[in-house]
mmCIF file of all heavy atoms, coordinates in Angstrom:
data_MODEL
# 
_entry.id   MODEL 
# 
loop_
_atom_site.group_PDB 
_atom_site.id 
_atom_site.type_symbol 
_atom_site.label_atom_id 
_atom_site.label_alt_id 
_atom_site.label_comp_id 
_atom_site.label_asym_id 
_atom_site.label_entity_id 
_atom_site.label_seq_id 
_atom_site.pdbx_PDB_ins_code 
_atom_site.Cartn_x 
_atom_site.Cartn_y 
_atom_site.Cartn_z 
_atom_site.occupancy 
_atom_site.B_iso_or_equiv 
_atom_site.pdbx_formal_charge 
_atom_site.auth_seq_id 
_atom_site.auth_comp_id 
_atom_site.auth_asym_id 
_atom_site.auth_atom_id 
_atom_site.pdbx_PDB_model_num 
ATOM 1   N N   . LEU A 1 1  ? 0.827   -1.214  0.000   1.00 0.00 ? 1  LEU A N   1 
ATOM 2   C CA  . LEU A 1 1  ? 0.000   0.000   0.000   1.00 0.00 ? 1  LEU A CA  1 
ATOM 3   C C   . LEU A 1 1  ? 0.859   1.261   0.000   1.00 0.00 ? 1  LEU A C   1 
ATOM 4   O O   . LEU A 1 1  ? 0.485   2.270   -0.596  1.00 0.00 ? 1  LEU A O   1 
ATOM 5   C CB  . LEU A 1 1  ? -0.962  -0.011  1.189   1.00 0.00 ? 1  LEU A CB  1 
ATOM 6   C CG  . LEU A 1 1  ? -2.010  -1.134  1.176   1.00 0.00 ? 1  LEU A CG  1 
ATOM 7   C CD1 . LEU A 1 1  ? -2.786  -1.159  2.487   1.00 0.00 ? 1  LEU A CD1 1 
ATOM 8   C CD2 . LEU A 1 1  ? -2.951  -0.998  -0.010  1.00 0.00 ? 1  LEU A CD2 1 
ATOM 9   N N   . LYS A 1 2  ? 2.011   1.222   0.652   1.00 0.00 ? 2  LYS A N   1 
ATOM 10  C CA  . LYS A 1 2  ? 2.920   2.371   0.674   1.00 0.00 ? 2  LYS A CA  1 
ATOM 11  C C   . LYS A 1 2  ? 3.620   2.579   -0.662  1.00 0.00 ? 2  LYS A C   1 
ATOM 12  O O   . LYS A 1 2  ? 4.133   3.655   -0.932  1.00 0.00 ? 2  LYS A O   1 
ATOM 13  C CB  . LYS A 1 2  ? 3.972   2.200   1.776   1.00 0.00 ? 2  LYS A CB  1 
ATOM 14  C CG  . LYS A 1 2  ? 3.418   2.373   3.166   1.00 0.00 ? 2  LYS A CG  1 
ATOM 15  C CD  . LYS A 1 2  ? 4.488   2.139   4.216   1.00 0.00 ? 2  LYS A CD  1 
ATOM 16  C CE  . LYS A 1 2  ? 3.889   2.197   5.608   1.00 0.00 ? 2  LYS A CE  1 
ATOM 17  N NZ  . LYS A 1 2  ? 4.868   1.843   6.646   1.00 0.00 ? 2  LYS A NZ  1 
ATOM 18  N N   . SER A 1 3  ? 3.614   1.558   -1.510  1.00 0.00 ? 3  SER A N   1 
ATOM 19  C CA  . SER A 1 3  ? 4.318   1.653   -2.793  1.00 0.00 ? 3  SER A CA  1 
ATOM 20  C C   . SER A 1 3  ? 3.602   2.558   -3.786  1.00 0.00 ? 3  SER A C   1 
ATOM 21  O O   . SER A 1 3  ? 4.116   2.836   -4.851  1.00 0.00 ? 3  SER A O   1 
ATOM 22  C CB  . SER A 1 3  ? 4.500   0.260   -3.405  1.00 0.00 ? 3  SER A CB  1 
ATOM 23  O OG  . SER A 1 3  ? 3.256   -0.253  -3.825  1.00 0.00 ? 3  SER A OG  1 
ATOM 24  N N   . LYS A 1 4  ? 2.412   2.988   -3.440  1.00 0.00 ? 4  LYS A N   1 
ATOM 25  C CA  . LYS A 1 4  ? 1.624   3.930   -4.261  1.00 0.00 ? 4  LYS A CA  1 
ATOM 26  C C   . LYS A 1 4  ? 1.257   3.362   -5.632  1.00 0.00 ? 4  LYS A C   1 
ATOM 27  O O   . LYS A 1 4  ? 1.147   4.085   -6.607  1.00 0.00 ? 4  LYS A O   1 
ATOM 28  C CB  . LYS A 1 4  ? 2.364   5.265   -4.424  1.00 0.00 ? 4  LYS A CB  1 
ATOM 29  C CG  . LYS A 1 4  ? 2.724   5.953   -3.124  1.00 0.00 ? 4  LYS A CG  1 
ATOM 30  C CD  . LYS A 1 4  ? 1.498   6.356   -2.366  1.00 0.00 ? 4  LYS A CD  1 
ATOM 31  C CE  . LYS A 1 4  ? 1.910   7.117   -1.105  1.00 0.00 ? 4  LYS A CE  1 
ATOM 32  N NZ  . LYS A 1 4  ? 0.873   7.242   -0.144  1.00 0.00 ? 4  LYS A NZ  1 
ATOM 33  N N   . ILE A 1 5  ? 1.083   2.039   -5.687  1.00 0.00 ? 5  ILE A N   1 
ATOM 34  C CA  . ILE A 1 5  ? 0.593   1.426   -6.919  1.00 0.00 ? 5  ILE A CA  1 
ATOM 35  C C   . ILE A 1 5  ? -0.846  1.877   -7.114  1.00 0.00 ? 5  ILE A C   1 
ATOM 36  O O   . ILE A 1 5  ? -1.629  1.921   -6.174  1.00 0.00 ? 5  ILE A O   1 
ATOM 37  C CB  . ILE A 1 5  ? 0.684   -0.108  -6.847  1.00 0.00 ? 5  ILE A CB  1 
ATOM 38  C CG1 . ILE A 1 5  ? 2.153   -0.528  -6.794  1.00 0.00 ? 5  ILE A CG1 1 
ATOM 39  C CG2 . ILE A 1 5  ? -0.041  -0.782  -8.007  1.00 0.00 ? 5  ILE A CG2 1 
ATOM 40  C CD1 . ILE A 1 5  ? 2.377   -2.002  -6.557  1.00 0.00 ? 5  ILE A CD1 1 
ATOM 41  N N   . SER A 1 6  ? -1.200  2.223   -8.316  1.00 0.00 ? 6  SER A N   1 
ATOM 42  C CA  . SER A 1 6  ? -2.542  2.717   -8.613  1.00 0.00 ? 6  SER A CA  1 
ATOM 43  C C   . SER A 1 6  ? -3.599  1.675   -8.263  1.00 0.00 ? 6  SER A C   1 
ATOM 44  O O   . SER A 1 6  ? -3.458  0.499   -8.620  1.00 0.00 ? 6  SER A O   1 
ATOM 45  C CB  . SER A 1 6  ? -2.650  3.079   -10.095 1.00 0.00 ? 6  SER A CB  1 
ATOM 46  O OG  . SER A 1 6  ? -3.995  3.354   -10.426 1.00 0.00 ? 6  SER A OG  1 
ATOM 47  N N   . PRO A 1 7  ? -4.677  2.081   -7.601  1.00 0.00 ? 7  PRO A N   1 
ATOM 48  C CA  . PRO A 1 7  ? -5.756  1.144   -7.256  1.00 0.00 ? 7  PRO A CA  1 
ATOM 49  C C   . PRO A 1 7  ? -6.435  0.504   -8.465  1.00 0.00 ? 7  PRO A C   1 
ATOM 50  O O   . PRO A 1 7  ? -7.116  -0.506  -8.322  1.00 0.00 ? 7  PRO A O   1 
ATOM 51  C CB  . PRO A 1 7  ? -6.749  1.998   -6.478  1.00 0.00 ? 7  PRO A CB  1 
ATOM 52  C CG  . PRO A 1 7  ? -5.953  3.143   -5.960  1.00 0.00 ? 7  PRO A CG  1 
ATOM 53  C CD  . PRO A 1 7  ? -4.879  3.391   -6.985  1.00 0.00 ? 7  PRO A CD  1 
ATOM 54  N N   . VAL A 1 8  ? -6.252  1.076   -9.646  1.00 0.00 ? 8  VAL A N   1 
ATOM 55  C CA  . VAL A 1 8  ? -6.834  0.456   -10.846 1.00 0.00 ? 8  VAL A CA  1 
ATOM 56  C C   . VAL A 1 8  ? -5.939  -0.664  -11.383 1.00 0.00 ? 8  VAL A C   1 
ATOM 57  O O   . VAL A 1 8  ? -6.346  -1.411  -12.263 1.00 0.00 ? 8  VAL A O   1 
ATOM 58  C CB  . VAL A 1 8  ? -7.129  1.498   -11.951 1.00 0.00 ? 8  VAL A CB  1 
ATOM 59  C CG1 . VAL A 1 8  ? -8.159  2.500   -11.490 1.00 0.00 ? 8  VAL A CG1 1 
ATOM 60  C CG2 . VAL A 1 8  ? -5.862  2.175   -12.419 1.00 0.00 ? 8  VAL A CG2 1 
ATOM 61  N N   . ASN A 1 9  ? -4.734  -0.776  -10.834 1.00 0.00 ? 9  ASN A N   1 
ATOM 62  C CA  . ASN A 1 9  ? -3.795  -1.815  -11.241 1.00 0.00 ? 9  ASN A CA  1 
ATOM 63  C C   . ASN A 1 9  ? -4.331  -3.186  -10.840 1.00 0.00 ? 9  ASN A C   1 
ATOM 64  O O   . ASN A 1 9  ? -4.940  -3.354  -9.794  1.00 0.00 ? 9  ASN A O   1 
ATOM 65  C CB  . ASN A 1 9  ? -2.440  -1.550  -10.572 1.00 0.00 ? 9  ASN A CB  1 
ATOM 66  C CG  . ASN A 1 9  ? -1.340  -2.425  -11.103 1.00 0.00 ? 9  ASN A CG  1 
ATOM 67  O OD1 . ASN A 1 9  ? -1.423  -3.639  -11.024 1.00 0.00 ? 9  ASN A OD1 1 
ATOM 68  N ND2 . ASN A 1 9  ? -0.301  -1.801  -11.627 1.00 0.00 ? 9  ASN A ND2 1 
ATOM 69  N N   . THR A 1 10 ? -4.078  -4.176  -11.663 1.00 0.00 ? 10 THR A N   1 
ATOM 70  C CA  . THR A 1 10 ? -4.529  -5.544  -11.413 1.00 0.00 ? 10 THR A CA  1 
ATOM 71  C C   . THR A 1 10 ? -4.036  -6.077  -10.072 1.00 0.00 ? 10 THR A C   1 
ATOM 72  O O   . THR A 1 10 ? -4.707  -6.881  -9.438  1.00 0.00 ? 10 THR A O   1 
ATOM 73  C CB  . THR A 1 10 ? -4.061  -6.473  -12.552 1.00 0.00 ? 10 THR A CB  1 
ATOM 74  O OG1 . THR A 1 10 ? -4.519  -5.940  -13.786 1.00 0.00 ? 10 THR A OG1 1 
ATOM 75  C CG2 . THR A 1 10 ? -4.581  -7.861  -12.393 1.00 0.00 ? 10 THR A CG2 1 
ATOM 76  N N   . ALA A 1 11 ? -2.888  -5.620  -9.622  1.00 0.00 ? 11 ALA A N   1 
ATOM 77  C CA  . ALA A 1 11 ? -2.339  -6.102  -8.353  1.00 0.00 ? 11 ALA A CA  1 
ATOM 78  C C   . ALA A 1 11 ? -3.300  -5.859  -7.187  1.00 0.00 ? 11 ALA A C   1 
ATOM 79  O O   . ALA A 1 11 ? -3.315  -6.619  -6.229  1.00 0.00 ? 11 ALA A O   1 
ATOM 80  C CB  . ALA A 1 11 ? -0.997  -5.431  -8.075  1.00 0.00 ? 11 ALA A CB  1 
ATOM 81  N N   . TYR A 1 12 ? -4.093  -4.820  -7.281  1.00 0.00 ? 12 TYR A N   1 
ATOM 82  C CA  . TYR A 1 12 ? -5.054  -4.525  -6.212  1.00 0.00 ? 12 TYR A CA  1 
ATOM 83  C C   . TYR A 1 12 ? -6.167  -5.556  -6.129  1.00 0.00 ? 12 TYR A C   1 
ATOM 84  O O   . TYR A 1 12 ? -6.902  -5.607  -5.146  1.00 0.00 ? 12 TYR A O   1 
ATOM 85  C CB  . TYR A 1 12 ? -5.659  -3.130  -6.401  1.00 0.00 ? 12 TYR A CB  1 
ATOM 86  C CG  . TYR A 1 12 ? -5.005  -2.090  -5.539  1.00 0.00 ? 12 TYR A CG  1 
ATOM 87  C CD1 . TYR A 1 12 ? -3.878  -1.411  -5.966  1.00 0.00 ? 12 TYR A CD1 1 
ATOM 88  C CD2 . TYR A 1 12 ? -5.502  -1.795  -4.276  1.00 0.00 ? 12 TYR A CD2 1 
ATOM 89  C CE1 . TYR A 1 12 ? -3.269  -0.470  -5.176  1.00 0.00 ? 12 TYR A CE1 1 
ATOM 90  C CE2 . TYR A 1 12 ? -4.901  -0.855  -3.467  1.00 0.00 ? 12 TYR A CE2 1 
ATOM 91  C CZ  . TYR A 1 12 ? -3.782  -0.193  -3.929  1.00 0.00 ? 12 TYR A CZ  1 
ATOM 92  O OH  . TYR A 1 12 ? -3.178  0.736   -3.126  1.00 0.00 ? 12 TYR A OH  1 
ATOM 93  N N   . LYS A 1 13 ? -6.310  -6.390  -7.152  1.00 0.00 ? 13 LYS A N   1 
ATOM 94  C CA  . LYS A 1 13 ? -7.370  -7.391  -7.166  1.00 0.00 ? 13 LYS A CA  1 
ATOM 95  C C   . LYS A 1 13 ? -6.957  -8.699  -6.500  1.00 0.00 ? 13 LYS A C   1 
ATOM 96  O O   . LYS A 1 13 ? -7.757  -9.621  -6.397  1.00 0.00 ? 13 LYS A O   1 
ATOM 97  C CB  . LYS A 1 13 ? -7.821  -7.653  -8.607  1.00 0.00 ? 13 LYS A CB  1 
ATOM 98  C CG  . LYS A 1 13 ? -8.460  -6.427  -9.230  1.00 0.00 ? 13 LYS A CG  1 
ATOM 99  C CD  . LYS A 1 13 ? -8.855  -6.674  -10.655 1.00 0.00 ? 13 LYS A CD  1 
ATOM 100 C CE  . LYS A 1 13 ? -9.400  -5.389  -11.247 1.00 0.00 ? 13 LYS A CE  1 
ATOM 101 N NZ  . LYS A 1 13 ? -9.709  -5.508  -12.653 1.00 0.00 ? 13 LYS A NZ  1 
ATOM 102 N N   . MET A 1 14 ? -5.705  -8.775  -6.048  1.00 0.00 ? 14 MET A N   1 
ATOM 103 C CA  . MET A 1 14 ? -5.252  -9.986  -5.371  1.00 0.00 ? 14 MET A CA  1 
ATOM 104 C C   . MET A 1 14 ? -6.096  -10.228 -4.128  1.00 0.00 ? 14 MET A C   1 
ATOM 105 O O   . MET A 1 14 ? -6.417  -9.288  -3.392  1.00 0.00 ? 14 MET A O   1 
ATOM 106 C CB  . MET A 1 14 ? -3.781  -9.861  -4.946  1.00 0.00 ? 14 MET A CB  1 
ATOM 107 C CG  . MET A 1 14 ? -2.807  -9.934  -6.077  1.00 0.00 ? 14 MET A CG  1 
ATOM 108 S SD  . MET A 1 14 ? -1.087  -9.969  -5.514  1.00 0.00 ? 14 MET A SD  1 
ATOM 109 C CE  . MET A 1 14 ? -0.908  -8.351  -4.802  1.00 0.00 ? 14 MET A CE  1 
ATOM 110 N N   . ILE A 1 15 ? -6.428  -11.492 -3.914  1.00 0.00 ? 15 ILE A N   1 
ATOM 111 C CA  . ILE A 1 15 ? -7.192  -11.833 -2.717  1.00 0.00 ? 15 ILE A CA  1 
ATOM 112 C C   . ILE A 1 15 ? -6.367  -11.458 -1.494  1.00 0.00 ? 15 ILE A C   1 
ATOM 113 O O   . ILE A 1 15 ? -5.207  -11.811 -1.376  1.00 0.00 ? 15 ILE A O   1 
ATOM 114 C CB  . ILE A 1 15 ? -7.537  -13.340 -2.702  1.00 0.00 ? 15 ILE A CB  1 
ATOM 115 C CG1 . ILE A 1 15 ? -8.473  -13.666 -3.860  1.00 0.00 ? 15 ILE A CG1 1 
ATOM 116 C CG2 . ILE A 1 15 ? -8.149  -13.740 -1.360  1.00 0.00 ? 15 ILE A CG2 1 
ATOM 117 C CD1 . ILE A 1 15 ? -8.739  -15.142 -4.050  1.00 0.00 ? 15 ILE A CD1 1 
ATOM 118 N N   . GLY A 1 16 ? -6.982  -10.706 -0.607  1.00 0.00 ? 16 GLY A N   1 
ATOM 119 C CA  . GLY A 1 16 ? -6.331  -10.326 0.646   1.00 0.00 ? 16 GLY A CA  1 
ATOM 120 C C   . GLY A 1 16 ? -5.973  -8.853  0.728   1.00 0.00 ? 16 GLY A C   1 
ATOM 121 O O   . GLY A 1 16 ? -5.939  -8.291  1.822   1.00 0.00 ? 16 GLY A O   1 
ATOM 122 N N   . ILE A 1 17 ? -5.709  -8.219  -0.395  1.00 0.00 ? 17 ILE A N   1 
ATOM 123 C CA  . ILE A 1 17 ? -5.316  -6.807  -0.372  1.00 0.00 ? 17 ILE A CA  1 
ATOM 124 C C   . ILE A 1 17 ? -6.432  -5.953  0.237   1.00 0.00 ? 17 ILE A C   1 
ATOM 125 O O   . ILE A 1 17 ? -6.210  -5.207  1.189   1.00 0.00 ? 17 ILE A O   1 
ATOM 126 C CB  . ILE A 1 17 ? -4.942  -6.294  -1.779  1.00 0.00 ? 17 ILE A CB  1 
ATOM 127 C CG1 . ILE A 1 17 ? -3.738  -7.058  -2.347  1.00 0.00 ? 17 ILE A CG1 1 
ATOM 128 C CG2 . ILE A 1 17 ? -4.700  -4.788  -1.768  1.00 0.00 ? 17 ILE A CG2 1 
ATOM 129 C CD1 . ILE A 1 17 ? -2.438  -6.811  -1.613  1.00 0.00 ? 17 ILE A CD1 1 
ATOM 130 N N   . LEU A 1 18 ? -7.625  -6.065  -0.300  1.00 0.00 ? 18 LEU A N   1 
ATOM 131 C CA  . LEU A 1 18 ? -8.754  -5.265  0.186   1.00 0.00 ? 18 LEU A CA  1 
ATOM 132 C C   . LEU A 1 18 ? -9.070  -5.583  1.644   1.00 0.00 ? 18 LEU A C   1 
ATOM 133 O O   . LEU A 1 18 ? -9.271  -4.670  2.459   1.00 0.00 ? 18 LEU A O   1 
ATOM 134 C CB  . LEU A 1 18 ? -9.989  -5.521  -0.675  1.00 0.00 ? 18 LEU A CB  1 
ATOM 135 C CG  . LEU A 1 18 ? -11.300 -4.889  -0.193  1.00 0.00 ? 18 LEU A CG  1 
ATOM 136 C CD1 . LEU A 1 18 ? -11.197 -3.367  -0.253  1.00 0.00 ? 18 LEU A CD1 1 
ATOM 137 C CD2 . LEU A 1 18 ? -12.467 -5.382  -1.032  1.00 0.00 ? 18 LEU A CD2 1 
ATOM 138 N N   . GLU A 1 19 ? -9.091  -6.863  1.979   1.00 0.00 ? 19 GLU A N   1 
ATOM 139 C CA  . GLU A 1 19 ? -9.446  -7.267  3.332   1.00 0.00 ? 19 GLU A CA  1 
ATOM 140 C C   . GLU A 1 19 ? -8.433  -6.759  4.358   1.00 0.00 ? 19 GLU A C   1 
ATOM 141 O O   . GLU A 1 19 ? -8.822  -6.233  5.418   1.00 0.00 ? 19 GLU A O   1 
ATOM 142 C CB  . GLU A 1 19 ? -9.553  -8.795  3.412   1.00 0.00 ? 19 GLU A CB  1 
ATOM 143 C CG  . GLU A 1 19 ? -10.664 -9.380  2.571   1.00 0.00 ? 19 GLU A CG  1 
ATOM 144 C CD  . GLU A 1 19 ? -10.349 -9.522  1.088   1.00 0.00 ? 19 GLU A CD  1 
ATOM 145 O OE1 . GLU A 1 19 ? -9.192  -9.291  0.683   1.00 0.00 ? 19 GLU A OE1 1 
ATOM 146 O OE2 . GLU A 1 19 ? -11.275 -9.860  0.323   1.00 0.00 ? 19 GLU A OE2 1 
ATOM 147 N N   . ILE A 1 20 ? -7.160  -6.881  4.043   1.00 0.00 ? 20 ILE A N   1 
ATOM 148 C CA  . ILE A 1 20 ? -6.128  -6.424  4.979   1.00 0.00 ? 20 ILE A CA  1 
ATOM 149 C C   . ILE A 1 20 ? -6.090  -4.902  5.022   1.00 0.00 ? 20 ILE A C   1 
ATOM 150 O O   . ILE A 1 20 ? -5.889  -4.309  6.085   1.00 0.00 ? 20 ILE A O   1 
ATOM 151 C CB  . ILE A 1 20 ? -4.764  -7.050  4.643   1.00 0.00 ? 20 ILE A CB  1 
ATOM 152 C CG1 . ILE A 1 20 ? -4.843  -8.567  4.888   1.00 0.00 ? 20 ILE A CG1 1 
ATOM 153 C CG2 . ILE A 1 20 ? -3.647  -6.414  5.464   1.00 0.00 ? 20 ILE A CG2 1 
ATOM 154 C CD1 . ILE A 1 20 ? -3.646  -9.349  4.424   1.00 0.00 ? 20 ILE A CD1 1 
ATOM 155 N N   . ARG A 1 21 ? -6.323  -4.249  3.888   1.00 0.00 ? 21 ARG A N   1 
ATOM 156 C CA  . ARG A 1 21 ? -6.404  -2.784  3.890   1.00 0.00 ? 21 ARG A CA  1 
ATOM 157 C C   . ARG A 1 21 ? -7.547  -2.330  4.799   1.00 0.00 ? 21 ARG A C   1 
ATOM 158 O O   . ARG A 1 21 ? -7.382  -1.393  5.587   1.00 0.00 ? 21 ARG A O   1 
ATOM 159 C CB  . ARG A 1 21 ? -6.604  -2.253  2.479   1.00 0.00 ? 21 ARG A CB  1 
ATOM 160 C CG  . ARG A 1 21 ? -6.536  -0.713  2.435   1.00 0.00 ? 21 ARG A CG  1 
ATOM 161 C CD  . ARG A 1 21 ? -6.839  -0.179  1.080   1.00 0.00 ? 21 ARG A CD  1 
ATOM 162 N NE  . ARG A 1 21 ? -8.279  -0.351  0.870   1.00 0.00 ? 21 ARG A NE  1 
ATOM 163 C CZ  . ARG A 1 21 ? -8.903  -0.230  -0.289  1.00 0.00 ? 21 ARG A CZ  1 
ATOM 164 N NH1 . ARG A 1 21 ? -8.212  0.022   -1.375  1.00 0.00 ? 21 ARG A NH1 1 
ATOM 165 N NH2 . ARG A 1 21 ? -10.183 -0.376  -0.386  1.00 0.00 ? 21 ARG A NH2 1 
ATOM 166 N N   . ASN A 1 22 ? -8.688  -3.007  4.705   1.00 0.00 ? 22 ASN A N   1 
ATOM 167 C CA  . ASN A 1 22 ? -9.814  -2.656  5.579   1.00 0.00 ? 22 ASN A CA  1 
ATOM 168 C C   . ASN A 1 22 ? -9.487  -2.902  7.047   1.00 0.00 ? 22 ASN A C   1 
ATOM 169 O O   . ASN A 1 22 ? -9.915  -2.152  7.920   1.00 0.00 ? 22 ASN A O   1 
ATOM 170 C CB  . ASN A 1 22 ? -11.068 -3.429  5.165   1.00 0.00 ? 22 ASN A CB  1 
ATOM 171 C CG  . ASN A 1 22 ? -11.656 -2.908  3.874   1.00 0.00 ? 22 ASN A CG  1 
ATOM 172 O OD1 . ASN A 1 22 ? -11.377 -1.785  3.451   1.00 0.00 ? 22 ASN A OD1 1 
ATOM 173 N ND2 . ASN A 1 22 ? -12.457 -3.732  3.224   1.00 0.00 ? 22 ASN A ND2 1 
ATOM 174 N N   . PHE A 1 23 ? -8.715  -3.949  7.327   1.00 0.00 ? 23 PHE A N   1 
ATOM 175 C CA  . PHE A 1 23 ? -8.261  -4.195  8.702   1.00 0.00 ? 23 PHE A CA  1 
ATOM 176 C C   . PHE A 1 23 ? -7.337  -3.068  9.166   1.00 0.00 ? 23 PHE A C   1 
ATOM 177 O O   . PHE A 1 23 ? -7.497  -2.543  10.270  1.00 0.00 ? 23 PHE A O   1 
ATOM 178 C CB  . PHE A 1 23 ? -7.546  -5.545  8.792   1.00 0.00 ? 23 PHE A CB  1 
ATOM 179 C CG  . PHE A 1 23 ? -6.716  -5.704  10.033  1.00 0.00 ? 23 PHE A CG  1 
ATOM 180 C CD1 . PHE A 1 23 ? -7.318  -5.815  11.276  1.00 0.00 ? 23 PHE A CD1 1 
ATOM 181 C CD2 . PHE A 1 23 ? -5.338  -5.727  9.953   1.00 0.00 ? 23 PHE A CD2 1 
ATOM 182 C CE1 . PHE A 1 23 ? -6.544  -5.943  12.430  1.00 0.00 ? 23 PHE A CE1 1 
ATOM 183 C CE2 . PHE A 1 23 ? -4.558  -5.860  11.089  1.00 0.00 ? 23 PHE A CE2 1 
ATOM 184 C CZ  . PHE A 1 23 ? -5.161  -5.966  12.332  1.00 0.00 ? 23 PHE A CZ  1 
ATOM 185 N N   . LEU A 1 24 ? -6.400  -2.682  8.318   1.00 0.00 ? 24 LEU A N   1 
ATOM 186 C CA  . LEU A 1 24 ? -5.463  -1.618  8.682   1.00 0.00 ? 24 LEU A CA  1 
ATOM 187 C C   . LEU A 1 24 ? -6.167  -0.282  8.889   1.00 0.00 ? 24 LEU A C   1 
ATOM 188 O O   . LEU A 1 24 ? -5.714  0.543   9.687   1.00 0.00 ? 24 LEU A O   1 
ATOM 189 C CB  . LEU A 1 24 ? -4.372  -1.487  7.610   1.00 0.00 ? 24 LEU A CB  1 
ATOM 190 C CG  . LEU A 1 24 ? -3.409  -2.677  7.503   1.00 0.00 ? 24 LEU A CG  1 
ATOM 191 C CD1 . LEU A 1 24 ? -2.548  -2.561  6.257   1.00 0.00 ? 24 LEU A CD1 1 
ATOM 192 C CD2 . LEU A 1 24 ? -2.559  -2.799  8.762   1.00 0.00 ? 24 LEU A CD2 1 
ATOM 193 N N   . ASN A 1 25 ? -7.274  -0.079  8.168   1.00 0.00 ? 25 ASN A N   1 
ATOM 194 C CA  . ASN A 1 25 ? -8.062  1.157   8.319   1.00 0.00 ? 25 ASN A CA  1 
ATOM 195 C C   . ASN A 1 25 ? -9.095  1.049   9.433   1.00 0.00 ? 25 ASN A C   1 
ATOM 196 O O   . ASN A 1 25 ? -9.935  1.939   9.577   1.00 0.00 ? 25 ASN A O   1 
ATOM 197 C CB  . ASN A 1 25 ? -8.768  1.500   7.002   1.00 0.00 ? 25 ASN A CB  1 
ATOM 198 C CG  . ASN A 1 25 ? -7.794  1.873   5.913   1.00 0.00 ? 25 ASN A CG  1 
ATOM 199 O OD1 . ASN A 1 25 ? -6.682  2.295   6.188   1.00 0.00 ? 25 ASN A OD1 1 
ATOM 200 N ND2 . ASN A 1 25 ? -8.199  1.696   4.671   1.00 0.00 ? 25 ASN A ND2 1 
# 
């Protein structure tokens, strides 16, 4: 998340990214 990869990038669709981001927030 700190790497500033664009949220439209396919990497953001990896299972776990959204869930862990929501945990961190």
